[in-house]
Amino acid sequence: MSQPNFESANAPSVLTKKSPWNVYTVMLILSLLALLIACLCLWLEIGEYGGLGAVKGPQASVTAPAPQHVLSSSTTSWA
């Protein structure tokens, strides 16, 4: 059995394989870098407000008034 002639082959092989770095690979790496920078900026911005789950500023306590039927039920007879 004879060995194939690698110089005359048009199909990409191990010896004639193109480099994996093309314009699409570079764009993919740049977009990953942009997403990482955006996540870092978002993390720093959230950190200025006290982090996740933290609330800065005055705490407002809101209580609802008692319903009127509860207040007047002590004077009403059900019989």
N, C-alpha and C. Protein backbone atom coordinates (compact mmCIF):
# COMPACT_ATOMS: atom_id res chain seq x y z
N MET A 1 0.84 -1.17 0.00
CA MET A 1 0.00 0.00 0.00
C MET A 1 0.90 1.24 0.00
N SER A 2 0.58 2.18 -0.82
CA SER A 2 1.43 3.37 -0.93
C SER A 2 0.92 4.48 0.00
N GLN A 3 1.83 5.33 0.37
CA GLN A 3 1.49 6.48 1.21
C GLN A 3 0.92 7.60 0.34
N PRO A 4 -0.05 8.37 0.89
CA PRO A 4 -0.60 9.46 0.10
C PRO A 4 0.43 10.58 -0.09
N ASN A 5 0.30 11.28 -1.17
CA ASN A 5 1.18 12.40 -1.46
C ASN A 5 0.59 13.65 -0.81
N PHE A 6 1.22 14.18 0.25
CA PHE A 6 0.66 15.30 1.00
C PHE A 6 0.79 16.63 0.25
N GLU A 7 1.72 16.74 -0.67
CA GLU A 7 1.89 18.00 -1.40
C GLU A 7 0.77 18.22 -2.41
N SER A 8 0.22 17.15 -2.94
CA SER A 8 -0.80 17.30 -3.97
C SER A 8 -2.22 17.29 -3.39
N ALA A 9 -2.37 17.08 -2.10
CA ALA A 9 -3.70 17.00 -1.51
C ALA A 9 -4.28 18.41 -1.33
N ASN A 10 -5.53 18.59 -1.71
CA ASN A 10 -6.22 19.88 -1.57
C ASN A 10 -6.97 19.98 -0.25
N ALA A 11 -7.32 18.85 0.32
CA ALA A 11 -8.06 18.84 1.57
C ALA A 11 -7.12 19.20 2.73
N PRO A 12 -7.60 19.98 3.71
CA PRO A 12 -6.73 20.31 4.84
C PRO A 12 -6.41 19.07 5.65
N SER A 13 -5.18 18.91 5.97
CA SER A 13 -4.75 17.79 6.79
C SER A 13 -3.94 18.32 7.95
N VAL A 14 -3.31 17.45 8.68
CA VAL A 14 -2.51 17.86 9.83
C VAL A 14 -1.34 18.71 9.37
N LEU A 15 -0.78 18.39 8.23
CA LEU A 15 0.39 19.13 7.73
C LEU A 15 0.01 20.46 7.08
N THR A 16 -1.16 20.54 6.47
CA THR A 16 -1.58 21.76 5.77
C THR A 16 -2.72 22.48 6.48
N LYS A 17 -2.94 22.17 7.74
CA LYS A 17 -4.08 22.75 8.46
C LYS A 17 -3.85 24.24 8.69
N LYS A 18 -4.91 25.01 8.53
CA LYS A 18 -4.83 26.45 8.75
C LYS A 18 -4.72 26.76 10.24
N SER A 19 -4.23 27.91 10.53
CA SER A 19 -4.09 28.36 11.90
C SER A 19 -5.49 28.59 12.50
N PRO A 20 -5.70 28.25 13.79
CA PRO A 20 -7.02 28.47 14.39
C PRO A 20 -7.32 29.95 14.64
N TRP A 21 -6.33 30.83 14.48
CA TRP A 21 -6.54 32.26 14.70
C TRP A 21 -7.00 32.91 13.41
N ASN A 22 -8.29 33.20 13.32
CA ASN A 22 -8.81 33.97 12.20
C ASN A 22 -9.59 35.15 12.77
N VAL A 23 -10.23 35.91 11.95
CA VAL A 23 -10.89 37.13 12.40
C VAL A 23 -12.05 36.80 13.36
N TYR A 24 -12.70 35.70 13.18
CA TYR A 24 -13.82 35.34 14.04
C TYR A 24 -13.35 34.92 15.44
N THR A 25 -12.21 34.25 15.50
CA THR A 25 -11.65 33.89 16.80
C THR A 25 -11.24 35.13 17.57
N VAL A 26 -10.63 36.09 16.88
CA VAL A 26 -10.23 37.34 17.54
C VAL A 26 -11.45 38.11 18.00
N MET A 27 -12.50 38.16 17.20
CA MET A 27 -13.74 38.85 17.60
C MET A 27 -14.38 38.16 18.80
N LEU A 28 -14.32 36.85 18.85
CA LEU A 28 -14.87 36.10 19.98
C LEU A 28 -14.10 36.42 21.26
N ILE A 29 -12.79 36.50 21.17
CA ILE A 29 -11.97 36.83 22.34
C ILE A 29 -12.22 38.27 22.77
N LEU A 30 -12.36 39.20 21.83
CA LEU A 30 -12.64 40.59 22.17
C LEU A 30 -14.01 40.76 22.83
N SER A 31 -15.00 40.01 22.36
CA SER A 31 -16.32 40.10 22.99
C SER A 31 -16.31 39.50 24.39
N LEU A 32 -15.54 38.44 24.61
CA LEU A 32 -15.40 37.88 25.95
C LEU A 32 -14.73 38.88 26.87
N LEU A 33 -13.70 39.55 26.38
CA LEU A 33 -13.01 40.56 27.17
C LEU A 33 -13.95 41.73 27.50
N ALA A 34 -14.77 42.14 26.56
CA ALA A 34 -15.73 43.22 26.81
C ALA A 34 -16.77 42.81 27.85
N LEU A 35 -17.24 41.57 27.81
CA LEU A 35 -18.20 41.10 28.80
C LEU A 35 -17.58 41.03 30.19
N LEU A 36 -16.32 40.62 30.28
CA LEU A 36 -15.65 40.57 31.58
C LEU A 36 -15.45 41.97 32.15
N ILE A 37 -15.10 42.93 31.31
CA ILE A 37 -14.95 44.31 31.77
C ILE A 37 -16.30 44.87 32.21
N ALA A 38 -17.36 44.56 31.49
CA ALA A 38 -18.70 45.02 31.86
C ALA A 38 -19.13 44.42 33.20
N CYS A 39 -18.83 43.16 33.43
CA CYS A 39 -19.17 42.53 34.72
C CYS A 39 -18.39 43.18 35.85
N LEU A 40 -17.13 43.49 35.61
CA LEU A 40 -16.32 44.15 36.62
C LEU A 40 -16.87 45.54 36.95
N CYS A 41 -17.25 46.30 35.93
CA CYS A 41 -17.83 47.63 36.16
C CYS A 41 -19.15 47.53 36.91
N LEU A 42 -19.98 46.56 36.58
CA LEU A 42 -21.24 46.38 37.28
C LEU A 42 -21.01 46.00 38.73
N TRP A 43 -20.04 45.13 39.00
CA TRP A 43 -19.71 44.74 40.36
C TRP A 43 -19.21 45.93 41.17
N LEU A 44 -18.38 46.78 40.56
CA LEU A 44 -17.91 47.97 41.26
C LEU A 44 -19.04 48.96 41.52
N GLU A 45 -19.97 49.08 40.59
CA GLU A 45 -21.10 50.00 40.76
C GLU A 45 -22.03 49.50 41.87
N ILE A 46 -22.29 48.21 41.92
CA ILE A 46 -23.14 47.67 42.98
C ILE A 46 -22.44 47.82 44.33
N GLY A 47 -21.12 47.70 44.35
CA GLY A 47 -20.37 47.85 45.58
C GLY A 47 -20.48 49.24 46.18
N GLU A 48 -20.68 50.26 45.34
CA GLU A 48 -20.86 51.62 45.85
C GLU A 48 -22.17 51.77 46.64
N TYR A 49 -23.13 50.94 46.36
CA TYR A 49 -24.42 51.01 47.05
C TYR A 49 -24.52 50.01 48.19
N GLY A 50 -23.44 49.43 48.59
CA GLY A 50 -23.44 48.55 49.75
C GLY A 50 -23.47 47.08 49.42
N GLY A 51 -23.41 46.72 48.18
CA GLY A 51 -23.40 45.31 47.80
C GLY A 51 -24.80 44.79 47.52
N LEU A 52 -24.84 43.52 47.20
CA LEU A 52 -26.13 42.90 46.88
C LEU A 52 -26.95 42.68 48.14
N GLY A 53 -28.19 43.05 48.12
CA GLY A 53 -29.08 42.82 49.24
C GLY A 53 -29.03 43.89 50.30
N ALA A 54 -28.08 44.80 50.23
CA ALA A 54 -27.98 45.85 51.25
C ALA A 54 -28.78 47.07 50.80
N VAL A 55 -29.39 47.73 51.77
CA VAL A 55 -30.16 48.94 51.49
C VAL A 55 -29.54 50.08 52.28
N LYS A 56 -29.11 51.11 51.57
CA LYS A 56 -28.56 52.28 52.24
C LYS A 56 -29.63 53.35 52.34
N GLY A 57 -29.45 54.24 53.28
CA GLY A 57 -30.37 55.35 53.43
C GLY A 57 -31.33 55.11 54.58
N PRO A 58 -32.22 56.08 54.79
CA PRO A 58 -33.16 55.94 55.91
C PRO A 58 -34.15 54.81 55.65
N GLN A 59 -34.40 54.07 56.68
CA GLN A 59 -35.34 52.96 56.59
C GLN A 59 -36.74 53.45 56.95
N ALA A 60 -37.65 53.33 56.06
CA ALA A 60 -39.02 53.74 56.31
C ALA A 60 -39.81 52.55 56.82
N SER A 61 -40.47 52.73 57.96
CA SER A 61 -41.32 51.67 58.47
C SER A 61 -42.77 52.07 58.23
N VAL A 62 -43.45 51.24 57.50
CA VAL A 62 -44.83 51.52 57.14
C VAL A 62 -45.71 50.51 57.85
N THR A 63 -46.66 51.02 58.63
CA THR A 63 -47.63 50.14 59.28
C THR A 63 -49.01 50.49 58.77
N ALA A 64 -49.77 49.48 58.50
CA ALA A 64 -51.12 49.69 58.01
C ALA A 64 -52.06 49.92 59.19
N PRO A 65 -53.00 50.84 59.06
CA PRO A 65 -53.97 51.05 60.14
C PRO A 65 -54.90 49.84 60.27
N ALA A 66 -55.43 49.65 61.44
CA ALA A 66 -56.35 48.54 61.67
C ALA A 66 -57.64 48.77 60.89
N PRO A 67 -58.20 47.71 60.31
CA PRO A 67 -59.46 47.87 59.58
C PRO A 67 -60.59 48.31 60.51
N GLN A 68 -61.55 49.03 59.96
CA GLN A 68 -62.64 49.58 60.75
C GLN A 68 -63.54 48.49 61.34
N HIS A 69 -63.75 47.40 60.65
CA HIS A 69 -64.66 46.36 61.18
C HIS A 69 -64.04 45.67 62.40
N VAL A 70 -62.73 45.68 62.52
CA VAL A 70 -62.10 45.08 63.70
C VAL A 70 -62.30 46.01 64.91
N LEU A 71 -62.22 47.29 64.68
CA LEU A 71 -62.38 48.24 65.80
C LEU A 71 -63.83 48.32 66.29
N SER A 72 -64.78 48.24 65.38
CA SER A 72 -66.18 48.36 65.77
C SER A 72 -66.82 47.04 66.16
N SER A 73 -66.13 45.92 66.05
CA SER A 73 -66.74 44.63 66.35
C SER A 73 -66.95 44.42 67.85
N SER A 74 -66.22 45.13 68.68
CA SER A 74 -66.38 44.96 70.11
C SER A 74 -67.70 45.54 70.61
N THR A 75 -68.29 46.49 69.90
CA THR A 75 -69.56 47.11 70.32
C THR A 75 -70.77 46.50 69.64
N THR A 76 -70.56 45.67 68.64
CA THR A 76 -71.67 45.08 67.90
C THR A 76 -71.99 43.70 68.49
N SER A 77 -73.30 43.48 68.71
CA SER A 77 -73.71 42.15 69.17
C SER A 77 -74.23 41.37 67.97
N TRP A 78 -73.94 40.10 67.95
CA TRP A 78 -74.33 39.25 66.83
C TRP A 78 -75.59 38.45 67.14
N ALA A 79 -76.21 38.67 68.21
CA ALA A 79 -77.38 37.88 68.56
C ALA A 79 -78.66 38.46 68.07
